[in-house]
Amino acid sequence: MKISCLIIDDEPLAINVIKNYLEPIENFEVINTFSNPIEGLNFLKNNNVDVIFLDINMPVLDGINFIKSLENPPLLIITSAYSQFAIETYELDVLDYLVKPIEFPRLMKALNKVSKRLENKNSNPLEVNTESPFIFVKIDKKRMKKIFFNEILVIESLKDYLKINTLTGKYIIHSTLQDFTDLLPERNFLRIHRSYTIAIDKIDAVEGNSIEIEGLRYVIGRSYMEHVKQRILNSSI
């Protein structure tokens, strides 16, 4: 099912940035954009959307008063050049707050929040979800790749890029290790070095200051050692 998106921003360039980011992501669809927030309000009177990307500083009607005017608001993601409105907007139940210029990994983090919130909202408690949790990553200019969390072995930092080693292949993406690690379920993954995040259930052995996964050894950073030992001990029988 497509997740419908509406973009409201008085800067056409800012609208295009988000549109271009969303275009290759198969389960998100931009159904309309507005540079005038009043026109956006009129559109919402007769149309339902799942999520609105909303600027704060706009003429006639600013983003905060726009939100307050909605009776049954969809999910809301603020896109603003100013961070000082964050606390006020979170009190209005905003899902996320993106500060311009918006980087793609940060947007992906917000999109994963959207997917998770809608999944929880629409799920039937009597229905069993047979599909494993996953994340979409951008592996080239036009292609998004679905990667299941339970297939990830090791994420390795390559300066401004990452190599994601999985059971089914290796993928290079543009992101920092910290940003990508933040997108992963904390109970399943562990940062062991400034260059490595590993899947805890894929650990074959721990010896000295290294961890073995699929026949390869990964050094545990000195500053990570105590935390790594505690996590591994807590996951042991």
Foldseek 3Di string as FASTA:
>chain_A
DAAEEEEEALDVVQVVVVCLLCVLPVRYDHPYYYNDLVVVVVVVVPDDGQEYEAEADHPPAGPVVSLVVDPDDHAYEYEYQDDPCVVVVVVSVHQYYAHPPGDSLVVQLSVVSSVVVVCVVPDDPVDDDPDADWGWADQDSRHIDTDGPVFWFKWFDDDQWIWTDGVVGIGIGGHQPVSVVVSDDPLQWADFDNTMIGGLVQFPDDDDQWTDGPRDIDGGDPVRVVVVVVSNVVPDD
